[in-house]
């Protein structure tokens, strides 16, 4: 019997996991992992993206053998510190390729057809169409940064819309390019020619501020930027200036740099000494209030089917590890 602690778990998910992991001692917490709710004798912990598993927390988890994140990305976990302590880290690599791709097009269509503005207007009993003229996706060029599983789903959907597809990735698959009918191009060319740019890369030291103050100026004037990957892939100061100057026609954001700070905003009201965090909050709110921005709260993964795939894979990861047949290990 293993002692397994789950963090960032909703009541409905708790019941499901209890059925999947019988004969183990389970603890559940709705909040992210922190110093106050840490279960120090856990053999396994399972977290989501707002739990920061760093060296200080790992020192308190002396019995820990496995960190099972219920996400594809694992930049919230100090993988190297886990490796040094002989703690395995596993993720859920394939739960939401179509789910995130569908959300990407939801943001894209909201901006291209002014759906968000139309909705707000009709709530005020205003049914005029003045100022709501949109544009077709057909024959537009979409630039996909990151040609992995999600990026390829976006490419297939884009071809169905009749779009021209260009992809930037450090790895190239010529077979897929031929089957789906897209072309690989360098990043600068993609920025220069794309009407819509969408990001599907993991967050790491190589992708930090991949879109930045320098190269955002190379983006085709009037393009739209979509980000459903990780917030810090885009330098938000650069994004704000590009939106304000109309270099970007609009942005669809499921993530934004510093989003975890926004979740703590009510706590920061009592700690105004941290001016850097306040600056981040103010800057982000300015972006949210722009008419040409559609923002969702890191919700692209959140479909019923994807959530079940996450829980099933996580439970399977844990059971396989305990059976000494580990799966989806990233370190």
C-alpha atoms as a PDB file:
ATOM      1  CA  UNK A   1       0.000   0.000   0.000  1.00  0.00           C
ATOM      2  CA  UNK A   2       1.494   3.297  -1.139  1.00  0.00           C
ATOM      3  CA  UNK A   3       0.769   6.712   0.357  1.00  0.00           C
ATOM      4  CA  UNK A   4      -0.304   8.929  -2.531  1.00  0.00           C
ATOM      5  CA  UNK A   5      -1.071  12.649  -2.202  1.00  0.00           C
ATOM      6  CA  UNK A   6      -3.018  14.475  -4.913  1.00  0.00           C
ATOM      7  CA  UNK A   7      -2.996  18.252  -5.258  1.00  0.00           C
ATOM      8  CA  UNK A   8      -5.223  20.591  -7.286  1.00  0.00           C
ATOM      9  CA  UNK A   9      -7.943  17.945  -7.404  1.00  0.00           C
ATOM     10  CA  UNK A  10     -11.661  18.698  -7.689  1.00  0.00           C
ATOM     11  CA  UNK A  11     -14.250  16.608  -5.774  1.00  0.00           C
ATOM     12  CA  UNK A  12     -15.459  14.884  -8.954  1.00  0.00           C
ATOM     13  CA  UNK A  13     -11.889  13.920  -9.877  1.00  0.00           C
ATOM     14  CA  UNK A  14     -11.274  12.672  -6.345  1.00  0.00           C
ATOM     15  CA  UNK A  15     -14.091  10.130  -6.580  1.00  0.00           C
ATOM     16  CA  UNK A  16     -12.843   8.901  -9.960  1.00  0.00           C
ATOM     17  CA  UNK A  17      -9.258   8.468  -8.746  1.00  0.00           C
ATOM     18  CA  UNK A  18     -10.412   6.604  -5.646  1.00  0.00           C
ATOM     19  CA  UNK A  19     -12.028   4.050  -7.932  1.00  0.00           C
ATOM     20  CA  UNK A  20      -8.875   3.756 -10.034  1.00  0.00           C
ATOM     21  CA  UNK A  21      -6.406   3.422  -7.155  1.00  0.00           C
ATOM     22  CA  UNK A  22      -8.003   1.094  -4.660  1.00  0.00           C
ATOM     23  CA  UNK A  23      -5.857  -0.535  -1.966  1.00  0.00           C
ATOM     24  CA  UNK A  24      -3.667   2.566  -1.610  1.00  0.00           C
ATOM     25  CA  UNK A  25      -3.788   5.319   0.997  1.00  0.00           C
ATOM     26  CA  UNK A  26      -4.920   8.449  -0.821  1.00  0.00           C
ATOM     27  CA  UNK A  27      -4.927  12.080   0.325  1.00  0.00           C
ATOM     28  CA  UNK A  28      -6.578  14.855  -1.709  1.00  0.00           C
ATOM     29  CA  UNK A  29      -6.139  18.625  -1.682  1.00  0.00           C
ATOM     30  CA  UNK A  30      -7.887  21.201  -3.837  1.00  0.00           C
ATOM     31  CA  UNK A  31      -5.058  23.722  -3.416  1.00  0.00           C
ATOM     32  CA  UNK A  32      -1.626  23.509  -5.065  1.00  0.00           C
ATOM     33  CA  UNK A  33       1.170  21.812  -3.129  1.00  0.00           C
ATOM     34  CA  UNK A  34       2.715  24.155  -0.554  1.00  0.00           C
ATOM     35  CA  UNK A  35       4.433  24.167   2.840  1.00  0.00           C
ATOM     36  CA  UNK A  36       1.099  24.037   4.686  1.00  0.00           C
ATOM     37  CA  UNK A  37      -0.506  21.031   2.991  1.00  0.00           C
ATOM     38  CA  UNK A  38       2.577  18.928   2.246  1.00  0.00           C
ATOM     39  CA  UNK A  39       2.236  15.288   3.341  1.00  0.00           C
ATOM     40  CA  UNK A  40       5.821  14.522   4.284  1.00  0.00           C
ATOM     41  CA  UNK A  41       5.541  10.725   4.268  1.00  0.00           C
ATOM     42  CA  UNK A  42       4.107  10.510   0.733  1.00  0.00           C
ATOM     43  CA  UNK A  43       5.515   7.830  -1.536  1.00  0.00           C
ATOM     44  CA  UNK A  44       3.894   9.471  -4.562  1.00  0.00           C
ATOM     45  CA  UNK A  45       2.583  12.962  -5.208  1.00  0.00           C
ATOM     46  CA  UNK A  46       0.412  13.977  -8.142  1.00  0.00           C
ATOM     47  CA  UNK A  47       0.219  17.645  -9.093  1.00  0.00           C
ATOM     48  CA  UNK A  48      -1.070  19.978 -11.762  1.00  0.00           C
ATOM     49  CA  UNK A  49       0.645  23.044 -13.252  1.00  0.00           C
ATOM     50  CA  UNK A  50       0.290  25.451 -10.304  1.00  0.00           C
ATOM     51  CA  UNK A  51       2.166  23.225  -7.840  1.00  0.00           C
ATOM     52  CA  UNK A  52       5.836  24.194  -7.864  1.00  0.00           C
ATOM     53  CA  UNK A  53       7.870  21.112  -6.970  1.00  0.00           C
ATOM     54  CA  UNK A  54      11.276  22.576  -6.153  1.00  0.00           C
ATOM     55  CA  UNK A  55      14.304  21.570  -4.089  1.00  0.00           C
ATOM     56  CA  UNK A  56      12.942  23.043  -0.847  1.00  0.00           C
ATOM     57  CA  UNK A  57       9.768  20.934  -1.037  1.00  0.00           C
ATOM     58  CA  UNK A  58      11.665  17.851  -2.154  1.00  0.00           C
ATOM     59  CA  UNK A  59      13.862  18.039   0.956  1.00  0.00           C
ATOM     60  CA  UNK A  60      10.733  17.640   3.083  1.00  0.00           C
ATOM     61  CA  UNK A  61       9.509  14.603   1.142  1.00  0.00           C
ATOM     62  CA  UNK A  62      12.053  12.063   2.306  1.00  0.00           C
ATOM     63  CA  UNK A  63      10.033   9.007   1.236  1.00  0.00           C
ATOM     64  CA  UNK A  64       9.061  10.345  -2.171  1.00  0.00           C
ATOM     65  CA  UNK A  65       9.610   8.015  -5.129  1.00  0.00           C
ATOM     66  CA  UNK A  66       7.422   9.518  -7.866  1.00  0.00           C
ATOM     67  CA  UNK A  67       6.013  12.871  -8.985  1.00  0.00           C
ATOM     68  CA  UNK A  68       3.108  12.275 -11.380  1.00  0.00           C
ATOM     69  CA  UNK A  69       2.059  15.505 -13.050  1.00  0.00           C
ATOM     70  CA  UNK A  70      -1.371  15.579 -14.640  1.00  0.00           C
ATOM     71  CA  UNK A  71      -0.118  17.666 -17.547  1.00  0.00           C
ATOM     72  CA  UNK A  72       2.035  17.333 -20.628  1.00  0.00           C
ATOM     73  CA  UNK A  73       4.392  20.153 -19.642  1.00  0.00           C
ATOM     74  CA  UNK A  74       6.558  19.772 -16.547  1.00  0.00           C
ATOM     75  CA  UNK A  75       8.304  23.134 -16.228  1.00  0.00           C
ATOM     76  CA  UNK A  76       6.670  23.492 -12.782  1.00  0.00           C
ATOM     77  CA  UNK A  77       8.801  20.582 -11.535  1.00  0.00           C
ATOM     78  CA  UNK A  78      12.527  20.760 -10.844  1.00  0.00           C
ATOM     79  CA  UNK A  79      13.304  17.648 -12.866  1.00  0.00           C
ATOM     80  CA  UNK A  80      17.039  17.819 -12.194  1.00  0.00           C
ATOM     81  CA  UNK A  81      16.531  17.997  -8.403  1.00  0.00           C
ATOM     82  CA  UNK A  82      14.198  15.016  -8.652  1.00  0.00           C
ATOM     83  CA  UNK A  83      16.813  13.089 -10.589  1.00  0.00           C
ATOM     84  CA  UNK A  84      19.458  13.828  -7.955  1.00  0.00           C
ATOM     85  CA  UNK A  85      17.126  12.480  -5.246  1.00  0.00           C
ATOM     86  CA  UNK A  86      16.277   9.421  -7.371  1.00  0.00           C
ATOM     87  CA  UNK A  87      12.670  10.562  -7.702  1.00  0.00           C
ATOM     88  CA  UNK A  88      10.985   9.708 -10.989  1.00  0.00           C
ATOM     89  CA  UNK A  89       8.835  12.258 -12.810  1.00  0.00           C
ATOM     90  CA  UNK A  90       6.133  11.181 -15.245  1.00  0.00           C
ATOM     91  CA  UNK A  91       3.658  13.177 -17.293  1.00  0.00           C
ATOM     92  CA  UNK A  92       0.569  12.755 -19.475  1.00  0.00           C
ATOM     93  CA  UNK A  93       1.988  13.196 -22.976  1.00  0.00           C
ATOM     94  CA  UNK A  94      -0.983  12.723 -25.290  1.00  0.00           C
ATOM     95  CA  UNK A  95      -4.240  13.599 -23.557  1.00  0.00           C
ATOM     96  CA  UNK A  96      -5.240  16.765 -25.401  1.00  0.00           C
ATOM     97  CA  UNK A  97      -3.906  17.039 -28.922  1.00  0.00           C
ATOM     98  CA  UNK A  98      -7.325  17.515 -30.502  1.00  0.00           C
ATOM     99  CA  UNK A  99      -8.719  19.276 -27.407  1.00  0.00           C
ATOM    100  CA  UNK A 100      -6.137  22.076 -27.395  1.00  0.00           C
ATOM    101  CA  UNK A 101      -6.244  22.322 -31.189  1.00  0.00           C
ATOM    102  CA  UNK A 102     -10.022  22.799 -31.090  1.00  0.00           C
ATOM    103  CA  UNK A 103      -9.655  25.518 -28.459  1.00  0.00           C
ATOM    104  CA  UNK A 104      -7.026  27.179 -30.645  1.00  0.00           C
ATOM    105  CA  UNK A 105      -9.556  27.460 -33.433  1.00  0.00           C
ATOM    106  CA  UNK A 106     -12.158  28.682 -30.959  1.00  0.00           C
ATOM    107  CA  UNK A 107      -9.905  31.631 -30.102  1.00  0.00           C
ATOM    108  CA  UNK A 108      -9.064  32.121 -33.766  1.00  0.00           C
ATOM    109  CA  UNK A 109     -12.712  32.237 -34.849  1.00  0.00           C
ATOM    110  CA  UNK A 110     -13.677  34.513 -31.968  1.00  0.00           C
ATOM    111  CA  UNK A 111     -11.170  37.055 -33.267  1.00  0.00           C
ATOM    112  CA  UNK A 112     -11.710  36.567 -37.002  1.00  0.00           C
ATOM    113  CA  UNK A 113     -15.509  36.939 -36.701  1.00  0.00           C
ATOM    114  CA  UNK A 114     -15.703  39.248 -33.653  1.00  0.00           C
ATOM    115  CA  UNK A 115     -17.760  36.697 -31.744  1.00  0.00           C
ATOM    116  CA  UNK A 116     -16.689  38.063 -28.350  1.00  0.00           C
ATOM    117  CA  UNK A 117     -17.713  41.617 -29.284  1.00  0.00           C
ATOM    118  CA  UNK A 118     -21.015  40.414 -30.753  1.00  0.00           C
ATOM    119  CA  UNK A 119     -21.859  38.527 -27.567  1.00  0.00           C
ATOM    120  CA  UNK A 120     -21.178  41.499 -25.311  1.00  0.00           C
ATOM    121  CA  UNK A 121     -23.210  43.768 -27.599  1.00  0.00           C
ATOM    122  CA  UNK A 122     -26.264  41.511 -27.633  1.00  0.00           C
ATOM    123  CA  UNK A 123     -26.202  41.301 -23.826  1.00  0.00           C
ATOM    124  CA  UNK A 124     -26.936  45.022 -23.940  1.00  0.00           C
ATOM    125  CA  UNK A 125     -29.867  44.442 -26.337  1.00  0.00           C
ATOM    126  CA  UNK A 126     -27.854  45.984 -29.165  1.00  0.00           C
ATOM    127  CA  UNK A 127     -28.277  43.894 -32.315  1.00  0.00           C
ATOM    128  CA  UNK A 128     -26.480  46.147 -34.762  1.00  0.00           C
ATOM    129  CA  UNK A 129     -23.619  44.755 -36.860  1.00  0.00           C
ATOM    130  CA  UNK A 130     -21.727  48.010 -37.275  1.00  0.00           C
ATOM    131  CA  UNK A 131     -18.028  47.454 -36.586  1.00  0.00           C
ATOM    132  CA  UNK A 132     -18.376  43.657 -36.434  1.00  0.00           C
ATOM    133  CA  UNK A 133     -17.175  42.826 -39.941  1.00  0.00           C
ATOM    134  CA  UNK A 134     -14.721  39.940 -39.724  1.00  0.00           C
ATOM    135  CA  UNK A 135     -12.543  38.087 -42.201  1.00  0.00           C
ATOM    136  CA  UNK A 136     -12.442  34.609 -43.724  1.00  0.00           C
ATOM    137  CA  UNK A 137      -9.878  32.014 -42.697  1.00  0.00           C
ATOM    138  CA  UNK A 138      -9.973  30.529 -46.219  1.00  0.00           C
ATOM    139  CA  UNK A 139      -6.823  31.378 -48.199  1.00  0.00           C
ATOM    140  CA  UNK A 140      -5.121  32.924 -45.173  1.00  0.00           C
ATOM    141  CA  UNK A 141      -1.665  31.722 -44.128  1.00  0.00           C
ATOM    142  CA  UNK A 142      -1.393  30.162 -40.684  1.00  0.00           C
ATOM    143  CA  UNK A 143       2.039  29.861 -39.107  1.00  0.00           C
ATOM    144  CA  UNK A 144       2.320  27.049 -36.563  1.00  0.00           C
ATOM    145  CA  UNK A 145       5.251  27.340 -34.162  1.00  0.00           C
ATOM    146  CA  UNK A 146       5.776  23.830 -32.820  1.00  0.00           C
ATOM    147  CA  UNK A 147       5.016  20.874 -35.055  1.00  0.00           C
ATOM    148  CA  UNK A 148       4.308  18.247 -32.408  1.00  0.00           C
ATOM    149  CA  UNK A 149       1.061  16.370 -31.782  1.00  0.00           C
ATOM    150  CA  UNK A 150      -1.033  19.484 -31.083  1.00  0.00           C
ATOM    151  CA  UNK A 151       0.554  21.471 -33.880  1.00  0.00           C
ATOM    152  CA  UNK A 152      -0.215  18.726 -36.380  1.00  0.00           C
ATOM    153  CA  UNK A 153      -3.859  18.635 -35.303  1.00  0.00           C
ATOM    154  CA  UNK A 154      -3.994  22.396 -35.888  1.00  0.00           C
ATOM    155  CA  UNK A 155      -2.416  21.871 -39.318  1.00  0.00           C
ATOM    156  CA  UNK A 156      -5.073  19.315 -40.310  1.00  0.00           C
ATOM    157  CA  UNK A 157      -7.887  21.594 -39.147  1.00  0.00           C
ATOM    158  CA  UNK A 158      -6.353  24.559 -40.958  1.00  0.00           C
ATOM    159  CA  UNK A 159      -6.218  22.606 -44.222  1.00  0.00           C
ATOM    160  CA  UNK A 160      -9.918  21.782 -43.780  1.00  0.00           C
ATOM    161  CA  UNK A 161     -10.588  25.531 -43.548  1.00  0.00           C
ATOM    162  CA  UNK A 162      -8.706  26.020 -46.826  1.00  0.00           C
ATOM    163  CA  UNK A 163      -5.726  27.756 -45.218  1.00  0.00           C
ATOM    164  CA  UNK A 164      -2.107  27.757 -46.333  1.00  0.00           C
ATOM    165  CA  UNK A 165      -0.042  26.111 -43.584  1.00  0.00           C
ATOM    166  CA  UNK A 166       3.536  26.922 -42.648  1.00  0.00           C
ATOM    167  CA  UNK A 167       5.315  25.235 -39.721  1.00  0.00           C
ATOM    168  CA  UNK A 168       8.434  26.067 -37.749  1.00  0.00           C
ATOM    169  CA  UNK A 169      10.010  23.295 -35.692  1.00  0.00           C
ATOM    170  CA  UNK A 170      13.538  22.171 -34.859  1.00  0.00           C
ATOM    171  CA  UNK A 171      12.514  18.693 -36.012  1.00  0.00           C
ATOM    172  CA  UNK A 172      11.001  18.067 -39.423  1.00  0.00           C
ATOM    173  CA  UNK A 173       8.798  15.240 -40.658  1.00  0.00           C
ATOM    174  CA  UNK A 174       8.764  15.346 -44.446  1.00  0.00           C
ATOM    175  CA  UNK A 175       6.204  12.514 -44.628  1.00  0.00           C
ATOM    176  CA  UNK A 176       3.648  14.438 -42.529  1.00  0.00           C
ATOM    177  CA  UNK A 177       4.375  17.609 -44.465  1.00  0.00           C
ATOM    178  CA  UNK A 178       3.485  15.823 -47.694  1.00  0.00           C
ATOM    179  CA  UNK A 179       0.404  14.034 -46.313  1.00  0.00           C
ATOM    180  CA  UNK A 180      -1.114  17.113 -44.611  1.00  0.00           C
ATOM    181  CA  UNK A 181       0.205  19.496 -47.289  1.00  0.00           C
ATOM    182  CA  UNK A 182       2.225  22.079 -45.382  1.00  0.00           C
ATOM    183  CA  UNK A 183       5.717  23.548 -45.635  1.00  0.00           C
ATOM    184  CA  UNK A 184       8.430  23.959 -43.020  1.00  0.00           C
ATOM    185  CA  UNK A 185       9.937  27.456 -42.922  1.00  0.00           C
ATOM    186  CA  UNK A 186      12.420  29.316 -40.685  1.00  0.00           C
ATOM    187  CA  UNK A 187      10.926  31.255 -37.771  1.00  0.00           C
ATOM    188  CA  UNK A 188      11.622  34.708 -39.239  1.00  0.00           C
ATOM    189  CA  UNK A 189       9.914  33.782 -42.502  1.00  0.00           C
ATOM    190  CA  UNK A 190       6.922  32.372 -40.643  1.00  0.00           C
ATOM    191  CA  UNK A 191       6.535  35.624 -38.689  1.00  0.00           C
ATOM    192  CA  UNK A 192       6.842  37.689 -41.865  1.00  0.00           C
ATOM    193  CA  UNK A 193       4.257  35.856 -44.017  1.00  0.00           C
ATOM    194  CA  UNK A 194       1.625  34.519 -41.564  1.00  0.00           C
ATOM    195  CA  UNK A 195      -1.798  36.104 -41.149  1.00  0.00           C
ATOM    196  CA  UNK A 196      -2.321  34.018 -38.023  1.00  0.00           C
ATOM    197  CA  UNK A 197       0.470  32.720 -35.768  1.00  0.00           C
ATOM    198  CA  UNK A 198      -0.215  30.011 -33.228  1.00  0.00           C
ATOM    199  CA  UNK A 199       2.142  28.645 -30.574  1.00  0.00           C
ATOM    200  CA  UNK A 200       2.405  24.955 -29.645  1.00  0.00           C
ATOM    201  CA  UNK A 201       5.819  24.515 -28.022  1.00  0.00           C
ATOM    202  CA  UNK A 202       6.768  23.315 -24.530  1.00  0.00           C
ATOM    203  CA  UNK A 203       8.236  25.854 -22.126  1.00  0.00           C
ATOM    204  CA  UNK A 204      11.944  25.530 -21.413  1.00  0.00           C
ATOM    205  CA  UNK A 205      15.090  27.650 -21.513  1.00  0.00           C
ATOM    206  CA  UNK A 206      15.117  27.470 -25.307  1.00  0.00           C
ATOM    207  CA  UNK A 207      11.521  28.678 -25.736  1.00  0.00           C
ATOM    208  CA  UNK A 208      11.521  31.364 -23.025  1.00  0.00           C
ATOM    209  CA  UNK A 209      10.417  34.572 -24.780  1.00  0.00           C
ATOM    210  CA  UNK A 210      10.557  32.833 -28.136  1.00  0.00           C
ATOM    211  CA  UNK A 211       8.393  35.744 -29.253  1.00  0.00           C
ATOM    212  CA  UNK A 212      10.198  38.814 -27.960  1.00  0.00           C
ATOM    213  CA  UNK A 213      10.690  42.555 -28.404  1.00  0.00           C
ATOM    214  CA  UNK A 214      13.097  42.016 -31.288  1.00  0.00           C
ATOM    215  CA  UNK A 215      11.334  39.472 -33.471  1.00  0.00           C
ATOM    216  CA  UNK A 216       7.766  40.617 -32.774  1.00  0.00           C
ATOM    217  CA  UNK A 217       8.592  43.572 -35.027  1.00  0.00           C
ATOM    218  CA  UNK A 218       9.066  41.092 -37.878  1.00  0.00           C
ATOM    219  CA  UNK A 219       5.472  39.889 -37.633  1.00  0.00           C
ATOM    220  CA  UNK A 220       3.289  40.774 -40.606  1.00  0.00           C
ATOM    221  CA  UNK A 221       1.380  43.932 -39.768  1.00  0.00           C
ATOM    222  CA  UNK A 222      -2.224  43.080 -38.919  1.00  0.00           C
ATOM    223  CA  UNK A 223      -1.565  39.453 -37.990  1.00  0.00           C
ATOM    224  CA  UNK A 224      -3.234  37.627 -35.097  1.00  0.00           C
ATOM    225  CA  UNK A 225      -1.288  35.768 -32.397  1.00  0.00           C
ATOM    226  CA  UNK A 226      -2.728  32.728 -30.606  1.00  0.00           C
ATOM    227  CA  UNK A 227      -1.064  31.200 -27.544  1.00  0.00           C
ATOM    228  CA  UNK A 228      -2.354  27.981 -25.982  1.00  0.00           C
ATOM    229  CA  UNK A 229       1.077  26.678 -24.922  1.00  0.00           C
ATOM    230  CA  UNK A 230       2.768  28.478 -22.000  1.00  0.00           C
ATOM    231  CA  UNK A 231       2.621  32.142 -21.097  1.00  0.00           C
ATOM    232  CA  UNK A 232       6.344  32.810 -20.868  1.00  0.00           C
ATOM    233  CA  UNK A 233       6.903  31.690 -24.462  1.00  0.00           C
ATOM    234  CA  UNK A 234       5.794  35.255 -25.274  1.00  0.00           C
ATOM    235  CA  UNK A 235       7.391  38.354 -23.754  1.00  0.00           C
ATOM    236  CA  UNK A 236       4.235  40.054 -22.503  1.00  0.00           C
ATOM    237  CA  UNK A 237       5.709  43.557 -22.596  1.00  0.00           C
ATOM    238  CA  UNK A 238       6.448  42.988 -26.289  1.00  0.00           C
ATOM    239  CA  UNK A 239       2.915  41.621 -26.807  1.00  0.00           C
ATOM    240  CA  UNK A 240       1.359  44.658 -25.132  1.00  0.00           C
ATOM    241  CA  UNK A 241       3.333  47.109 -27.286  1.00  0.00           C
ATOM    242  CA  UNK A 242       2.524  45.164 -30.481  1.00  0.00           C
ATOM    243  CA  UNK A 243      -1.201  45.235 -29.680  1.00  0.00           C
ATOM    244  CA  UNK A 244      -1.168  48.896 -28.705  1.00  0.00           C
ATOM    245  CA  UNK A 245       0.721  49.920 -31.857  1.00  0.00           C
ATOM    246  CA  UNK A 246      -1.580  47.769 -34.070  1.00  0.00           C
ATOM    247  CA  UNK A 247       1.352  45.678 -35.278  1.00  0.00           C
ATOM    248  CA  UNK A 248      -0.888  42.823 -34.104  1.00  0.00           C
ATOM    249  CA  UNK A 249      -4.535  42.982 -35.101  1.00  0.00           C
ATOM    250  CA  UNK A 250      -5.447  40.838 -32.120  1.00  0.00           C
ATOM    251  CA  UNK A 251      -4.438  38.080 -29.742  1.00  0.00           C
ATOM    252  CA  UNK A 252      -6.150  34.945 -28.494  1.00  0.00           C
ATOM    253  CA  UNK A 253      -4.585  33.920 -25.195  1.00  0.00           C
ATOM    254  CA  UNK A 254      -5.299  30.869 -23.111  1.00  0.00           C
ATOM    255  CA  UNK A 255      -2.086  31.524 -21.194  1.00  0.00           C
ATOM    256  CA  UNK A 256      -0.102  34.615 -20.270  1.00  0.00           C
ATOM    257  CA  UNK A 257       3.202  35.243 -18.572  1.00  0.00           C
ATOM    258  CA  UNK A 258       2.648  35.539 -14.823  1.00  0.00           C
ATOM    259  CA  UNK A 259      -0.822  33.946 -14.846  1.00  0.00           C
ATOM    260  CA  UNK A 260      -0.072  32.208 -11.550  1.00  0.00           C
ATOM    261  CA  UNK A 261       0.375  35.668  -9.974  1.00  0.00           C
ATOM    262  CA  UNK A 262      -3.111  36.683 -11.110  1.00  0.00           C
ATOM    263  CA  UNK A 263      -4.503  33.700  -9.205  1.00  0.00           C
ATOM    264  CA  UNK A 264      -2.772  35.019  -6.043  1.00  0.00           C
ATOM    265  CA  UNK A 265      -3.939  38.579  -6.609  1.00  0.00           C
ATOM    266  CA  UNK A 266      -6.244  38.663  -3.588  1.00  0.00           C
ATOM    267  CA  UNK A 267      -3.336  37.547  -1.378  1.00  0.00           C
ATOM    268  CA  UNK A 268      -1.044  40.226  -2.779  1.00  0.00           C
ATOM    269  CA  UNK A 269      -3.462  42.915  -1.624  1.00  0.00           C
ATOM    270  CA  UNK A 270      -1.878  42.428   1.787  1.00  0.00           C
ATOM    271  CA  UNK A 271       1.689  42.491   0.492  1.00  0.00           C
ATOM    272  CA  UNK A 272       2.223  45.600  -1.603  1.00  0.00           C
ATOM    273  CA  UNK A 273       5.969  45.457  -1.124  1.00  0.00           C
ATOM    274  CA  UNK A 274       6.301  43.118  -4.085  1.00  0.00           C
ATOM    275  CA  UNK A 275       6.234  45.778  -6.807  1.00  0.00           C
ATOM    276  CA  UNK A 276       7.408  43.405  -9.545  1.00  0.00           C
ATOM    277  CA  UNK A 277       4.369  41.188  -9.093  1.00  0.00           C
ATOM    278  CA  UNK A 278       2.069  44.207  -9.046  1.00  0.00           C
ATOM    279  CA  UNK A 279       3.603  45.416 -12.302  1.00  0.00           C
ATOM    280  CA  UNK A 280       2.880  42.041 -13.883  1.00  0.00           C
ATOM    281  CA  UNK A 281      -0.739  42.112 -12.722  1.00  0.00           C
ATOM    282  CA  UNK A 282      -1.322  45.671 -13.970  1.00  0.00           C
ATOM    283  CA  UNK A 283       0.275  44.947 -17.348  1.00  0.00           C
ATOM    284  CA  UNK A 284      -1.768  41.780 -17.834  1.00  0.00           C
ATOM    285  CA  UNK A 285      -5.018  43.528 -16.903  1.00  0.00           C
ATOM    286  CA  UNK A 286      -4.289  46.180 -19.524  1.00  0.00           C
ATOM    287  CA  UNK A 287      -4.018  43.423 -22.121  1.00  0.00           C
ATOM    288  CA  UNK A 288      -7.240  41.726 -20.944  1.00  0.00           C
ATOM    289  CA  UNK A 289      -9.140  44.993 -21.298  1.00  0.00           C
ATOM    290  CA  UNK A 290      -8.208  45.455 -24.943  1.00  0.00           C
ATOM    291  CA  UNK A 291     -11.084  44.895 -27.379  1.00  0.00           C
ATOM    292  CA  UNK A 292      -8.857  42.954 -29.752  1.00  0.00           C
ATOM    293  CA  UNK A 293      -7.868  40.370 -27.124  1.00  0.00           C
ATOM    294  CA  UNK A 294      -9.757  37.187 -26.262  1.00  0.00           C
ATOM    295  CA  UNK A 295      -8.539  35.559 -23.062  1.00  0.00           C
ATOM    296  CA  UNK A 296      -9.455  32.234 -21.472  1.00  0.00           C
ATOM    297  CA  UNK A 297      -8.076  31.083 -18.077  1.00  0.00           C
ATOM    298  CA  UNK A 298      -5.693  28.268 -19.125  1.00  0.00           C
ATOM    299  CA  UNK A 299      -8.719  26.290 -20.186  1.00  0.00           C
ATOM    300  CA  UNK A 300      -7.717  24.776 -23.534  1.00  0.00           C
ATOM    301  CA  UNK A 301      -7.235  21.311 -22.003  1.00  0.00           C
ATOM    302  CA  UNK A 302     -10.571  21.390 -20.183  1.00  0.00           C
ATOM    303  CA  UNK A 303     -12.976  19.052 -21.975  1.00  0.00           C
ATOM    304  CA  UNK A 304     -14.769  16.123 -20.364  1.00  0.00           C
ATOM    305  CA  UNK A 305     -12.979  13.643 -22.580  1.00  0.00           C
ATOM    306  CA  UNK A 306      -9.529  15.146 -22.037  1.00  0.00           C
ATOM    307  CA  UNK A 307      -9.984  15.263 -18.251  1.00  0.00           C
ATOM    308  CA  UNK A 308     -10.819  11.557 -18.203  1.00  0.00           C
ATOM    309  CA  UNK A 309      -7.763  10.808 -20.346  1.00  0.00           C
ATOM    310  CA  UNK A 310      -5.619  12.778 -17.876  1.00  0.00           C
ATOM    311  CA  UNK A 311      -6.957  10.878 -14.864  1.00  0.00           C
ATOM    312  CA  UNK A 312      -6.748   7.492 -16.585  1.00  0.00           C
ATOM    313  CA  UNK A 313      -3.165   8.061 -17.704  1.00  0.00           C
ATOM    314  CA  UNK A 314      -2.119   9.424 -14.305  1.00  0.00           C
ATOM    315  CA  UNK A 315      -3.589   6.439 -12.482  1.00  0.00           C
ATOM    316  CA  UNK A 316      -1.925   4.100 -14.980  1.00  0.00           C
ATOM    317  CA  UNK A 317       1.406   5.932 -14.562  1.00  0.00           C
ATOM    318  CA  UNK A 318       1.242   5.471 -10.790  1.00  0.00           C
ATOM    319  CA  UNK A 319       0.186   1.813 -10.910  1.00  0.00           C
ATOM    320  CA  UNK A 320       2.839   1.002 -13.511  1.00  0.00           C
ATOM    321  CA  UNK A 321       5.541   2.695 -11.458  1.00  0.00           C
ATOM    322  CA  UNK A 322       4.533   0.842  -8.294  1.00  0.00           C
ATOM    323  CA  UNK A 323       4.620  -2.397 -10.313  1.00  0.00           C
ATOM    324  CA  UNK A 324       8.195  -1.480 -11.355  1.00  0.00           C
ATOM    325  CA  UNK A 325       7.142  -0.982 -14.961  1.00  0.00           C
ATOM    326  CA  UNK A 326       7.313   2.840 -15.215  1.00  0.00           C
ATOM    327  CA  UNK A 327       5.667   4.680 -18.095  1.00  0.00           C
ATOM    328  CA  UNK A 328       5.952   8.202 -19.463  1.00  0.00           C
ATOM    329  CA  UNK A 329       9.025   9.026 -17.358  1.00  0.00           C
ATOM    330  CA  UNK A 330      10.630  12.333 -18.354  1.00  0.00           C
ATOM    331  CA  UNK A 331      13.787  12.210 -16.184  1.00  0.00           C
END
